[in-house]
Amino acid sequence: MTNIDKKSSMYIIERGIPLPSNRTGKSKWSIIASQMVHGDSVVVKDCEKNKMRCAITRLGQGSSGMQLSNGNWRIWMKPKRVYKKR
């Protein structure tokens, strides 16, 4: 079923519909990132590096990464760089 009105091609906004109970809002990446402190690192697969870096960024921190010889990535948490106005 779609929420598009075929006559006017507009989306219909519906309110008061609860989220499914199986959605906690915490991914495994955000849980790992929340347990890290500056200088900690984690090794992830190539396809997971962006998920880990985004989770760190959502916490307001910076990240740095380096590809390892086996194709995996090491991602570090570091303080967010603050740029000063000149």
C-alpha atoms as a PDB file:
ATOM      1  CA  MET A   1       0.000   0.000   0.000  1.00  0.00           C
ATOM      2  CA  THR A   2       1.286   3.444  -0.816  1.00  0.00           C
ATOM      3  CA  ASN A   3       0.640   6.813   0.761  1.00  0.00           C
ATOM      4  CA  ILE A   4       0.436   8.626  -2.559  1.00  0.00           C
ATOM      5  CA  ASP A   5      -2.819  10.090  -3.760  1.00  0.00           C
ATOM      6  CA  LYS A   6      -2.802   9.107  -7.452  1.00  0.00           C
ATOM      7  CA  LYS A   7      -5.042  12.009  -8.516  1.00  0.00           C
ATOM      8  CA  SER A   8      -2.854  14.817  -7.233  1.00  0.00           C
ATOM      9  CA  SER A   9       0.472  12.952  -6.832  1.00  0.00           C
ATOM     10  CA  MET A  10       0.868  14.322  -3.302  1.00  0.00           C
ATOM     11  CA  TYR A  11       2.084  12.433  -0.256  1.00  0.00           C
ATOM     12  CA  ILE A  12      -0.365  12.079   2.616  1.00  0.00           C
ATOM     13  CA  ILE A  13       1.085  12.918   6.042  1.00  0.00           C
ATOM     14  CA  GLU A  14      -0.129  10.614   8.790  1.00  0.00           C
ATOM     15  CA  ARG A  15       0.298  11.394  12.479  1.00  0.00           C
ATOM     16  CA  GLY A  16       0.031   9.320  15.622  1.00  0.00           C
ATOM     17  CA  ILE A  17       1.329   6.072  14.125  1.00  0.00           C
ATOM     18  CA  PRO A  18       3.805   4.514  16.605  1.00  0.00           C
ATOM     19  CA  LEU A  19       7.181   3.141  15.549  1.00  0.00           C
ATOM     20  CA  PRO A  20       7.603  -0.633  15.651  1.00  0.00           C
ATOM     21  CA  SER A  21       8.814  -1.776  19.065  1.00  0.00           C
ATOM     22  CA  ASN A  22      11.899  -3.513  17.629  1.00  0.00           C
ATOM     23  CA  ARG A  23      13.556  -0.179  16.780  1.00  0.00           C
ATOM     24  CA  THR A  24      15.700   1.039  19.627  1.00  0.00           C
ATOM     25  CA  GLY A  25      17.410   3.859  17.743  1.00  0.00           C
ATOM     26  CA  LYS A  26      20.867   2.526  18.628  1.00  0.00           C
ATOM     27  CA  SER A  27      22.924   0.772  16.008  1.00  0.00           C
ATOM     28  CA  LYS A  28      25.854  -1.446  16.893  1.00  0.00           C
ATOM     29  CA  TRP A  29      28.102   1.308  15.512  1.00  0.00           C
ATOM     30  CA  SER A  30      26.684   3.978  17.830  1.00  0.00           C
ATOM     31  CA  ILE A  31      27.031   1.624  20.811  1.00  0.00           C
ATOM     32  CA  ILE A  32      30.689   0.936  19.968  1.00  0.00           C
ATOM     33  CA  ALA A  33      31.398   4.635  19.380  1.00  0.00           C
ATOM     34  CA  SER A  34      29.769   5.638  22.685  1.00  0.00           C
ATOM     35  CA  GLN A  35      32.205   3.346  24.537  1.00  0.00           C
ATOM     36  CA  MET A  36      35.273   4.903  22.908  1.00  0.00           C
ATOM     37  CA  VAL A  37      37.389   7.783  24.183  1.00  0.00           C
ATOM     38  CA  HIS A  38      39.893   9.952  22.313  1.00  0.00           C
ATOM     39  CA  GLY A  39      42.772   7.827  21.063  1.00  0.00           C
ATOM     40  CA  ASP A  40      40.818   4.549  20.988  1.00  0.00           C
ATOM     41  CA  SER A  41      40.603   2.684  17.698  1.00  0.00           C
ATOM     42  CA  VAL A  42      38.636  -0.172  16.220  1.00  0.00           C
ATOM     43  CA  VAL A  43      39.282  -2.388  13.177  1.00  0.00           C
ATOM     44  CA  VAL A  44      36.342  -2.717  10.783  1.00  0.00           C
ATOM     45  CA  LYS A  45      35.766  -4.187   7.344  1.00  0.00           C
ATOM     46  CA  ASP A  46      36.100  -1.964   4.290  1.00  0.00           C
ATOM     47  CA  CYS A  47      32.313  -1.851   3.783  1.00  0.00           C
ATOM     48  CA  GLU A  48      31.776  -0.773   7.433  1.00  0.00           C
ATOM     49  CA  LYS A  49      34.259   2.104   7.701  1.00  0.00           C
ATOM     50  CA  ASN A  50      31.766   4.837   6.792  1.00  0.00           C
ATOM     51  CA  LYS A  51      29.190   3.532   9.275  1.00  0.00           C
ATOM     52  CA  MET A  52      31.755   3.674  12.084  1.00  0.00           C
ATOM     53  CA  ARG A  53      32.979   7.143  11.135  1.00  0.00           C
ATOM     54  CA  CYS A  54      29.398   8.459  10.934  1.00  0.00           C
ATOM     55  CA  ALA A  55      28.617   7.037  14.384  1.00  0.00           C
ATOM     56  CA  ILE A  56      31.639   8.858  15.811  1.00  0.00           C
ATOM     57  CA  THR A  57      30.647  12.086  14.056  1.00  0.00           C
ATOM     58  CA  ARG A  58      27.087  11.857  15.455  1.00  0.00           C
ATOM     59  CA  LEU A  59      28.651  11.919  18.933  1.00  0.00           C
ATOM     60  CA  GLY A  60      30.295  15.226  18.053  1.00  0.00           C
ATOM     61  CA  GLN A  61      33.784  13.767  17.819  1.00  0.00           C
ATOM     62  CA  GLY A  62      36.333  13.536  15.032  1.00  0.00           C
ATOM     63  CA  SER A  63      37.701  10.428  13.424  1.00  0.00           C
ATOM     64  CA  SER A  64      40.687   9.345  11.426  1.00  0.00           C
ATOM     65  CA  GLY A  65      41.197   6.163   9.462  1.00  0.00           C
ATOM     66  CA  MET A  66      43.933   4.101   7.873  1.00  0.00           C
ATOM     67  CA  GLN A  67      43.582   1.126   5.540  1.00  0.00           C
ATOM     68  CA  LEU A  68      45.420  -1.967   6.714  1.00  0.00           C
ATOM     69  CA  SER A  69      47.321  -4.434   4.514  1.00  0.00           C
ATOM     70  CA  ASN A  70      44.486  -6.991   4.682  1.00  0.00           C
ATOM     71  CA  GLY A  71      41.897  -4.510   3.316  1.00  0.00           C
ATOM     72  CA  ASN A  72      40.304  -3.722   6.680  1.00  0.00           C
ATOM     73  CA  TRP A  73      40.342  -0.231   8.204  1.00  0.00           C
ATOM     74  CA  ARG A  74      41.480   1.056  11.594  1.00  0.00           C
ATOM     75  CA  ILE A  75      39.294   3.972  12.739  1.00  0.00           C
ATOM     76  CA  TRP A  76      40.399   6.240  15.604  1.00  0.00           C
ATOM     77  CA  MET A  77      38.271   8.587  17.671  1.00  0.00           C
ATOM     78  CA  LYS A  78      39.869  11.977  18.140  1.00  0.00           C
ATOM     79  CA  PRO A  79      38.761  15.393  19.363  1.00  0.00           C
ATOM     80  CA  LYS A  80      36.697  17.332  16.879  1.00  0.00           C
ATOM     81  CA  ARG A  81      38.737  20.001  15.135  1.00  0.00           C
ATOM     82  CA  VAL A  82      37.462  23.489  15.895  1.00  0.00           C
ATOM     83  CA  TYR A  83      38.159  26.109  13.294  1.00  0.00           C
ATOM     84  CA  LYS A  84      38.615  29.682  14.496  1.00  0.00           C
ATOM     85  CA  LYS A  85      37.369  32.638  12.537  1.00  0.00           C
ATOM     86  CA  ARG A  86      40.083  34.946  11.328  1.00  0.00           C
END
